[in-house]
Protein backbone atom coordinates (compact mmCIF):
# COMPACT_ATOMS: atom_id res chain seq x y z
CA MET A 1 -3.90 -0.99 11.24
CA ILE A 2 -1.98 -3.61 9.28
CA THR A 3 0.77 -5.94 10.42
CA THR A 4 3.87 -7.29 8.78
CA ALA A 5 2.12 -10.67 8.70
CA ASP A 6 -0.75 -9.14 6.68
CA VAL A 7 1.67 -7.97 4.00
CA ILE A 8 3.69 -11.20 4.00
CA GLY A 9 0.50 -13.23 3.62
CA PHE A 10 -0.81 -11.04 0.83
CA MET A 11 2.45 -11.07 -1.12
CA GLY A 12 3.38 -14.67 -0.36
CA ILE A 13 6.99 -13.72 0.38
CA THR A 14 9.34 -15.61 2.67
CA GLN A 15 12.64 -13.75 2.41
CA ASN A 16 14.02 -10.20 2.39
CA LEU A 17 11.49 -9.23 5.04
CA ASP A 18 13.61 -6.75 7.01
CA SER A 19 12.40 -3.71 5.08
CA LEU A 20 8.81 -4.50 6.07
CA GLU A 21 9.73 -3.50 9.62
CA LEU A 22 10.14 0.04 8.26
CA ILE A 23 7.41 -0.02 5.63
CA VAL A 24 4.47 -1.28 7.72
CA PRO A 25 4.72 1.35 10.49
CA ALA A 26 5.16 4.08 7.85
CA VAL A 27 2.06 2.90 5.97
CA ASN A 28 0.07 2.70 9.22
CA TYR A 29 1.11 6.24 10.16
CA TYR A 30 0.36 7.62 6.70
CA VAL A 31 -3.04 5.94 6.31
CA ASP A 32 -4.20 6.64 9.86
CA ALA A 33 -3.43 10.34 9.41
CA LEU A 34 -5.75 10.58 6.40
CA PRO A 35 -8.93 12.31 7.57
CA GLN A 36 -11.28 10.72 5.07
CA ILE A 37 -10.49 6.99 5.33
CA ASP A 38 -13.27 4.54 6.08
CA ARG A 39 -13.34 3.83 9.82
CA ASN A 40 -15.57 1.92 12.21
CA VAL A 41 -15.79 1.70 15.99
CA ALA A 42 -12.95 -0.84 16.13
CA GLY A 43 -10.63 1.08 13.80
CA TRP A 44 -10.24 0.81 10.04
CA GLU A 45 -12.88 -0.64 7.75
CA SER A 46 -11.78 -3.65 5.69
CA THR A 47 -11.48 -1.46 2.58
CA THR A 48 -9.00 0.81 4.34
CA LYS A 49 -7.02 -2.15 5.66
CA PHE A 50 -6.87 -3.68 2.18
CA ALA A 51 -5.69 -0.38 0.69
CA ALA A 52 -2.97 -0.18 3.35
CA VAL A 53 -1.79 -3.72 2.52
CA LEU A 54 -1.71 -2.82 -1.20
CA LEU A 55 0.26 0.33 -0.43
CA ALA A 56 2.77 -1.57 1.73
CA ALA A 57 3.18 -4.20 -1.01
CA ARG A 58 3.86 -1.49 -3.59
CA TRP A 59 6.38 0.25 -1.33
CA TYR A 60 8.04 -3.11 -0.70
CA LYS A 61 8.35 -3.78 -4.43
CA ARG A 62 9.77 -0.30 -5.02
CA ARG A 63 12.33 -0.49 -2.17
CA ASN A 64 15.22 -1.57 -4.41
CA SER A 65 14.12 0.24 -7.53
CA PRO A 66 14.60 3.99 -7.30
CA GLY A 67 13.98 4.16 -11.03
CA ALA A 68 10.64 2.34 -10.49
CA THR A 69 11.60 -0.63 -12.66
CA ILE A 70 12.53 -4.21 -11.81
CA ASP A 71 13.81 -7.09 -13.89
CA GLY A 72 11.25 -9.70 -14.60
CA ALA A 73 9.57 -9.39 -17.95
CA MET A 74 9.44 -12.68 -19.84
CA ASP A 75 11.57 -11.27 -22.63
CA GLY A 76 14.31 -10.19 -20.21
CA GLY A 77 13.10 -6.62 -20.08
CA GLN A 78 11.96 -4.38 -17.29
CA ILE A 79 8.66 -4.10 -15.42
CA ARG A 80 7.59 -0.65 -14.28
CA ILE A 81 6.24 -0.24 -10.75
CA THR A 82 4.20 2.93 -10.72
CA LYS A 83 4.33 5.35 -7.83
CA TYR A 84 0.62 6.03 -8.24
CA ASP A 85 -2.14 3.46 -8.03
CA SER A 86 -5.67 4.63 -8.72
CA ASP A 87 -7.17 1.63 -6.88
CA ILE A 88 -5.38 2.61 -3.68
CA ALA A 89 -6.35 6.25 -4.20
CA ARG A 90 -10.02 5.30 -4.55
CA LEU A 91 -9.96 3.08 -1.45
CA LEU A 92 -8.25 5.77 0.65
CA HIS A 93 -10.23 8.68 -0.86
CA ILE A 94 -7.13 10.62 -1.88
CA ASP A 95 -5.86 12.30 -5.05
CA GLY A 96 -9.23 13.39 -6.39
CA PHE A 97 -11.08 10.30 -5.18
CA GLU A 98 -12.46 11.88 -2.03
CA GLN A 99 -15.78 10.92 -0.48
CA PRO A 100 -18.60 13.36 -1.05
CA GLN A 101 -19.19 15.60 1.98
CA VAL A 102 -22.48 17.06 3.15
CA GLY A 103 -22.74 20.65 4.25
């Protein structure tokens, strides 16, 4: 499982952290319920933990942008935050990126 500190450290953020108290448990619940994630005896493999941190960071960035865009382009425009990330999907084996099964 991931912690709020994991996400804060990854993102390098120091303010507006309250929403992480909602996001991190939701990500942990979602990821842990996936049947095909990489696990080990102690819990999640490092790839699964990294994917969960990426997912929490994306949810954090999208929290104030229902239209999936934020201000921040160098020319004063908008940056799109996608709701789908193929890297996360591959790491969590979801959305067509499932691990091969035997038998």
